[in-house]
Amino acid sequence: MKWLALVLLVGCAEAPIEMAEYDCPEGGTQLTFENFGAQFLNVNCNTCHASNAGHRHGAPESYAFDTIEGVHEHRDRIFVRAATSNVSMPPGPEDPPAEDREKLAEWLACGAP
């Protein structure tokens, strides 16, 4: 019976918000890799997603977010996993605050300058 409840819960989960559904604010963003992105990623993602991460906990080696080039390459994927109400990453109890996830969404939607 427990598996049935799990199947029902999974079936009711909302689809993630895609970056194409999120507009960059008119006039752009003041958020940059230097003043927002690098810190957000270092605190919340790069334990597993840095190019020099020792134990990646299953994160693919090609998903490295410690450079702006790595972020640009995986911008859409980062968005659907961690921005706005997309909360599948990072795993664990120490989730970033909703305000930071909104900033991540804005920064990525504006091209991650």
N, C-alpha and C. Protein backbone atom coordinates (compact mmCIF):
# COMPACT_ATOMS: atom_id res chain seq x y z
N MET A 1 0.81 -1.19 0.00
CA MET A 1 0.00 0.00 0.00
C MET A 1 0.87 1.26 0.00
N LYS A 2 2.04 1.20 0.65
CA LYS A 2 2.92 2.36 0.69
C LYS A 2 3.39 2.74 -0.71
N TRP A 3 3.64 1.74 -1.56
CA TRP A 3 4.11 2.05 -2.92
C TRP A 3 3.03 2.78 -3.70
N LEU A 4 1.78 2.46 -3.46
CA LEU A 4 0.68 3.13 -4.15
C LEU A 4 0.64 4.61 -3.77
N ALA A 5 0.83 4.91 -2.50
CA ALA A 5 0.86 6.30 -2.06
C ALA A 5 2.02 7.05 -2.71
N LEU A 6 3.17 6.39 -2.80
CA LEU A 6 4.33 7.01 -3.44
C LEU A 6 4.06 7.28 -4.91
N VAL A 7 3.48 6.34 -5.61
CA VAL A 7 3.15 6.52 -7.02
C VAL A 7 2.19 7.69 -7.20
N LEU A 8 1.21 7.79 -6.33
CA LEU A 8 0.24 8.89 -6.43
C LEU A 8 0.91 10.23 -6.16
N LEU A 9 1.81 10.29 -5.19
CA LEU A 9 2.52 11.53 -4.91
C LEU A 9 3.40 11.95 -6.07
N VAL A 10 4.12 11.00 -6.65
CA VAL A 10 5.00 11.31 -7.78
C VAL A 10 4.17 11.76 -8.98
N GLY A 11 3.04 11.13 -9.20
CA GLY A 11 2.18 11.49 -10.32
C GLY A 11 1.58 12.89 -10.19
N CYS A 12 1.49 13.39 -8.96
CA CYS A 12 0.92 14.71 -8.73
C CYS A 12 1.96 15.82 -8.72
N ALA A 13 3.22 15.46 -8.79
CA ALA A 13 4.28 16.48 -8.75
C ALA A 13 4.18 17.39 -9.97
N GLU A 14 4.40 18.67 -9.72
CA GLU A 14 4.34 19.64 -10.81
C GLU A 14 5.58 19.55 -11.68
N ALA A 15 5.40 19.82 -12.95
CA ALA A 15 6.54 19.86 -13.86
C ALA A 15 7.38 21.08 -13.51
N PRO A 16 8.70 20.97 -13.67
CA PRO A 16 9.54 22.13 -13.34
C PRO A 16 9.28 23.29 -14.29
N ILE A 17 9.53 24.49 -13.79
CA ILE A 17 9.44 25.69 -14.62
C ILE A 17 10.67 25.74 -15.51
N GLU A 18 10.46 25.92 -16.79
CA GLU A 18 11.56 26.02 -17.75
C GLU A 18 12.04 27.46 -17.81
N MET A 19 13.31 27.65 -18.15
CA MET A 19 13.86 28.99 -18.23
C MET A 19 13.12 29.83 -19.28
N ALA A 20 12.66 29.22 -20.35
CA ALA A 20 11.93 29.94 -21.40
C ALA A 20 10.63 30.55 -20.87
N GLU A 21 10.12 30.02 -19.75
CA GLU A 21 8.89 30.53 -19.14
C GLU A 21 9.15 31.69 -18.18
N TYR A 22 10.39 32.02 -17.96
CA TYR A 22 10.77 33.04 -16.98
C TYR A 22 11.46 34.18 -17.72
N ASP A 23 10.91 35.37 -17.61
CA ASP A 23 11.47 36.51 -18.33
C ASP A 23 12.53 37.23 -17.52
N CYS A 24 13.57 37.64 -18.21
CA CYS A 24 14.54 38.56 -17.62
C CYS A 24 13.81 39.88 -17.41
N PRO A 25 14.00 40.54 -16.27
CA PRO A 25 13.31 41.82 -16.05
C PRO A 25 13.66 42.83 -17.14
N GLU A 26 12.69 43.67 -17.45
CA GLU A 26 12.96 44.74 -18.41
C GLU A 26 14.10 45.59 -17.86
N GLY A 27 15.06 45.86 -18.67
CA GLY A 27 16.23 46.60 -18.21
C GLY A 27 17.36 45.70 -17.75
N GLY A 28 17.12 44.40 -17.76
CA GLY A 28 18.18 43.45 -17.39
C GLY A 28 18.29 43.21 -15.90
N THR A 29 19.44 42.76 -15.50
CA THR A 29 19.69 42.42 -14.10
C THR A 29 20.99 43.05 -13.63
N GLN A 30 21.05 43.30 -12.35
CA GLN A 30 22.29 43.77 -11.74
C GLN A 30 23.12 42.60 -11.21
N LEU A 31 22.55 41.38 -11.27
CA LEU A 31 23.24 40.19 -10.78
C LEU A 31 24.27 39.72 -11.80
N THR A 32 25.45 39.41 -11.31
CA THR A 32 26.53 38.91 -12.17
C THR A 32 27.13 37.65 -11.55
N PHE A 33 28.00 37.01 -12.29
CA PHE A 33 28.73 35.87 -11.75
C PHE A 33 29.53 36.31 -10.53
N GLU A 34 30.14 37.46 -10.63
CA GLU A 34 31.00 37.96 -9.55
C GLU A 34 30.23 38.35 -8.29
N ASN A 35 29.07 39.01 -8.44
CA ASN A 35 28.37 39.50 -7.24
C ASN A 35 27.25 38.59 -6.76
N PHE A 36 26.93 37.53 -7.51
CA PHE A 36 25.89 36.62 -7.07
C PHE A 36 26.16 35.16 -7.44
N GLY A 37 26.31 34.88 -8.73
CA GLY A 37 26.35 33.51 -9.22
C GLY A 37 27.43 32.65 -8.59
N ALA A 38 28.68 33.16 -8.55
CA ALA A 38 29.78 32.35 -8.01
C ALA A 38 29.52 31.96 -6.56
N GLN A 39 29.05 32.90 -5.76
CA GLN A 39 28.79 32.60 -4.35
C GLN A 39 27.63 31.61 -4.20
N PHE A 40 26.53 31.83 -4.93
CA PHE A 40 25.40 30.91 -4.85
C PHE A 40 25.84 29.50 -5.22
N LEU A 41 26.56 29.37 -6.32
CA LEU A 41 26.98 28.06 -6.78
C LEU A 41 28.00 27.43 -5.82
N ASN A 42 28.92 28.22 -5.30
CA ASN A 42 29.90 27.68 -4.35
C ASN A 42 29.24 27.15 -3.09
N VAL A 43 28.28 27.86 -2.57
CA VAL A 43 27.60 27.46 -1.34
C VAL A 43 26.66 26.29 -1.57
N ASN A 44 25.94 26.29 -2.69
CA ASN A 44 24.84 25.33 -2.87
C ASN A 44 25.09 24.21 -3.86
N CYS A 45 26.07 24.35 -4.74
CA CYS A 45 26.21 23.39 -5.84
C CYS A 45 27.60 22.77 -5.96
N ASN A 46 28.64 23.56 -5.72
CA ASN A 46 29.97 23.12 -6.10
C ASN A 46 30.63 22.11 -5.18
N THR A 47 29.96 21.73 -4.10
CA THR A 47 30.46 20.59 -3.33
C THR A 47 30.51 19.36 -4.23
N CYS A 48 29.54 19.26 -5.11
CA CYS A 48 29.47 18.13 -6.06
C CYS A 48 29.78 18.55 -7.49
N HIS A 49 29.57 19.82 -7.82
CA HIS A 49 29.64 20.26 -9.21
C HIS A 49 30.83 21.15 -9.55
N ALA A 50 31.87 21.17 -8.73
CA ALA A 50 33.09 21.90 -9.08
C ALA A 50 33.99 20.97 -9.88
N SER A 51 34.79 21.54 -10.76
CA SER A 51 35.67 20.71 -11.58
C SER A 51 36.68 19.95 -10.74
N ASN A 52 36.98 20.44 -9.54
CA ASN A 52 37.94 19.76 -8.68
C ASN A 52 37.28 19.08 -7.48
N ALA A 53 35.97 18.86 -7.55
CA ALA A 53 35.26 18.21 -6.44
C ALA A 53 35.80 16.81 -6.25
N GLY A 54 36.19 16.49 -5.04
CA GLY A 54 36.74 15.18 -4.74
C GLY A 54 35.73 14.06 -4.91
N HIS A 55 34.66 14.11 -4.15
CA HIS A 55 33.60 13.11 -4.26
C HIS A 55 32.35 13.81 -4.76
N ARG A 56 31.93 13.48 -5.97
CA ARG A 56 30.85 14.20 -6.64
C ARG A 56 29.46 13.67 -6.27
N HIS A 57 29.38 12.63 -5.46
CA HIS A 57 28.10 12.09 -5.02
C HIS A 57 27.18 11.78 -6.20
N GLY A 58 27.75 11.28 -7.28
CA GLY A 58 26.97 10.90 -8.45
C GLY A 58 26.81 11.98 -9.50
N ALA A 59 27.25 13.18 -9.23
CA ALA A 59 27.13 14.26 -10.23
C ALA A 59 28.05 13.97 -11.41
N PRO A 60 27.54 14.05 -12.62
CA PRO A 60 28.39 13.79 -13.80
C PRO A 60 29.56 14.76 -13.87
N GLU A 61 30.71 14.27 -14.25
CA GLU A 61 31.91 15.11 -14.32
C GLU A 61 31.74 16.28 -15.28
N SER A 62 30.93 16.13 -16.31
CA SER A 62 30.74 17.21 -17.28
C SER A 62 29.90 18.36 -16.73
N TYR A 63 29.27 18.17 -15.59
CA TYR A 63 28.47 19.22 -14.96
C TYR A 63 29.32 19.91 -13.89
N ALA A 64 30.13 20.87 -14.32
CA ALA A 64 30.98 21.64 -13.42
C ALA A 64 30.56 23.11 -13.51
N PHE A 65 30.28 23.71 -12.36
CA PHE A 65 29.72 25.06 -12.32
C PHE A 65 30.65 26.07 -11.66
N ASP A 66 31.94 25.78 -11.59
CA ASP A 66 32.85 26.70 -10.93
C ASP A 66 33.45 27.73 -11.88
N THR A 67 33.06 27.69 -13.15
CA THR A 67 33.46 28.72 -14.11
C THR A 67 32.22 29.23 -14.81
N ILE A 68 32.29 30.44 -15.30
CA ILE A 68 31.15 31.01 -16.02
C ILE A 68 30.86 30.21 -17.29
N GLU A 69 31.90 29.65 -17.90
CA GLU A 69 31.70 28.83 -19.10
C GLU A 69 30.89 27.58 -18.77
N GLY A 70 31.17 26.95 -17.64
CA GLY A 70 30.41 25.78 -17.21
C GLY A 70 28.96 26.13 -16.92
N VAL A 71 28.75 27.29 -16.33
CA VAL A 71 27.38 27.75 -16.05
C VAL A 71 26.64 27.98 -17.36
N HIS A 72 27.27 28.67 -18.30
CA HIS A 72 26.61 28.94 -19.59
C HIS A 72 26.27 27.65 -20.31
N GLU A 73 27.15 26.68 -20.25
CA GLU A 73 26.90 25.40 -20.92
C GLU A 73 25.69 24.68 -20.34
N HIS A 74 25.45 24.83 -19.05
CA HIS A 74 24.40 24.07 -18.37
C HIS A 74 23.31 24.96 -17.77
N ARG A 75 23.18 26.16 -18.28
CA ARG A 75 22.26 27.15 -17.73
C ARG A 75 20.82 26.64 -17.65
N ASP A 76 20.33 26.03 -18.72
CA ASP A 76 18.95 25.52 -18.72
C ASP A 76 18.75 24.45 -17.65
N ARG A 77 19.72 23.56 -17.52
CA ARG A 77 19.62 22.46 -16.56
C ARG A 77 19.69 22.99 -15.12
N ILE A 78 20.57 23.94 -14.87
CA ILE A 78 20.64 24.53 -13.54
C ILE A 78 19.29 25.15 -13.19
N PHE A 79 18.70 25.85 -14.15
CA PHE A 79 17.41 26.51 -13.92
C PHE A 79 16.34 25.50 -13.52
N VAL A 80 16.16 24.43 -14.29
CA VAL A 80 15.07 23.49 -13.99
C VAL A 80 15.31 22.67 -12.73
N ARG A 81 16.53 22.66 -12.24
CA ARG A 81 16.81 21.90 -11.02
C ARG A 81 16.84 22.77 -9.77
N ALA A 82 17.17 24.09 -9.91
CA ALA A 82 17.42 24.85 -8.69
C ALA A 82 16.84 26.26 -8.64
N ALA A 83 16.31 26.78 -9.73
CA ALA A 83 15.85 28.17 -9.75
C ALA A 83 14.36 28.28 -9.47
N THR A 84 13.95 29.38 -8.94
CA THR A 84 12.58 29.72 -8.59
C THR A 84 11.95 28.59 -7.76
N SER A 85 10.82 28.03 -8.15
CA SER A 85 10.20 26.96 -7.37
C SER A 85 10.71 25.58 -7.73
N ASN A 86 11.70 25.48 -8.59
CA ASN A 86 12.35 24.20 -8.91
C ASN A 86 13.32 23.88 -7.78
N VAL A 87 13.04 22.83 -7.03
CA VAL A 87 13.80 22.59 -5.81
C VAL A 87 14.41 21.18 -5.72
N SER A 88 14.64 20.54 -6.86
CA SER A 88 15.22 19.19 -6.79
C SER A 88 16.71 19.21 -6.46
N MET A 89 17.35 20.36 -6.61
CA MET A 89 18.75 20.53 -6.23
C MET A 89 18.86 21.81 -5.42
N PRO A 90 19.75 21.88 -4.49
CA PRO A 90 20.59 20.80 -4.00
C PRO A 90 19.79 19.85 -3.12
N PRO A 91 20.22 18.60 -3.08
CA PRO A 91 19.52 17.64 -2.21
C PRO A 91 19.90 17.90 -0.75
N GLY A 92 19.02 17.58 0.13
CA GLY A 92 19.35 17.70 1.54
C GLY A 92 18.57 18.77 2.26
N PRO A 93 18.80 18.85 3.53
CA PRO A 93 18.00 19.75 4.37
C PRO A 93 18.40 21.22 4.29
N GLU A 94 19.56 21.52 3.80
CA GLU A 94 20.03 22.92 3.78
C GLU A 94 19.73 23.58 2.43
N ASP A 95 18.46 23.71 2.12
CA ASP A 95 18.07 24.32 0.85
C ASP A 95 18.32 25.82 0.86
N PRO A 96 18.65 26.37 -0.31
CA PRO A 96 18.77 27.83 -0.38
C PRO A 96 17.41 28.48 -0.14
N PRO A 97 17.40 29.67 0.44
CA PRO A 97 16.13 30.38 0.64
C PRO A 97 15.44 30.68 -0.69
N ALA A 98 14.12 30.79 -0.65
CA ALA A 98 13.34 31.09 -1.86
C ALA A 98 13.82 32.38 -2.52
N GLU A 99 14.20 33.37 -1.74
CA GLU A 99 14.68 34.63 -2.29
C GLU A 99 15.94 34.41 -3.14
N ASP A 100 16.83 33.55 -2.67
CA ASP A 100 18.04 33.25 -3.44
C ASP A 100 17.72 32.46 -4.71
N ARG A 101 16.73 31.58 -4.63
CA ARG A 101 16.32 30.82 -5.82
C ARG A 101 15.71 31.76 -6.86
N GLU A 102 15.00 32.79 -6.42
CA GLU A 102 14.45 33.78 -7.34
C GLU A 102 15.57 34.59 -7.99
N LYS A 103 16.57 34.94 -7.22
CA LYS A 103 17.73 35.64 -7.79
C LYS A 103 18.44 34.76 -8.81
N LEU A 104 18.57 33.47 -8.50
CA LEU A 104 19.19 32.55 -9.45
C LEU A 104 18.40 32.51 -10.74
N ALA A 105 17.08 32.47 -10.63
CA ALA A 105 16.23 32.46 -11.83
C ALA A 105 16.45 33.72 -12.66
N GLU A 106 16.48 34.87 -12.01
CA GLU A 106 16.69 36.13 -12.73
C GLU A 106 18.05 36.13 -13.40
N TRP A 107 19.09 35.77 -12.66
CA TRP A 107 20.44 35.78 -13.19
C TRP A 107 20.58 34.86 -14.42
N LEU A 108 20.05 33.65 -14.31
CA LEU A 108 20.14 32.70 -15.42
C LEU A 108 19.29 33.17 -16.61
N ALA A 109 18.07 33.64 -16.34
CA ALA A 109 17.18 34.08 -17.43
C ALA A 109 17.76 35.28 -18.18
N CYS A 110 18.57 36.06 -17.51
CA CYS A 110 19.20 37.22 -18.15
C CYS A 110 20.53 36.87 -18.81
N GLY A 111 20.84 35.60 -18.91
CA GLY A 111 22.04 35.17 -19.61
C GLY A 111 23.23 34.87 -18.71
N ALA A 112 23.04 34.94 -17.41
CA ALA A 112 24.12 34.67 -16.45
C ALA A 112 25.35 35.53 -16.75
N PRO A 113 25.17 36.87 -16.70
CA PRO A 113 26.31 37.74 -16.99
C PRO A 113 27.41 37.67 -15.93
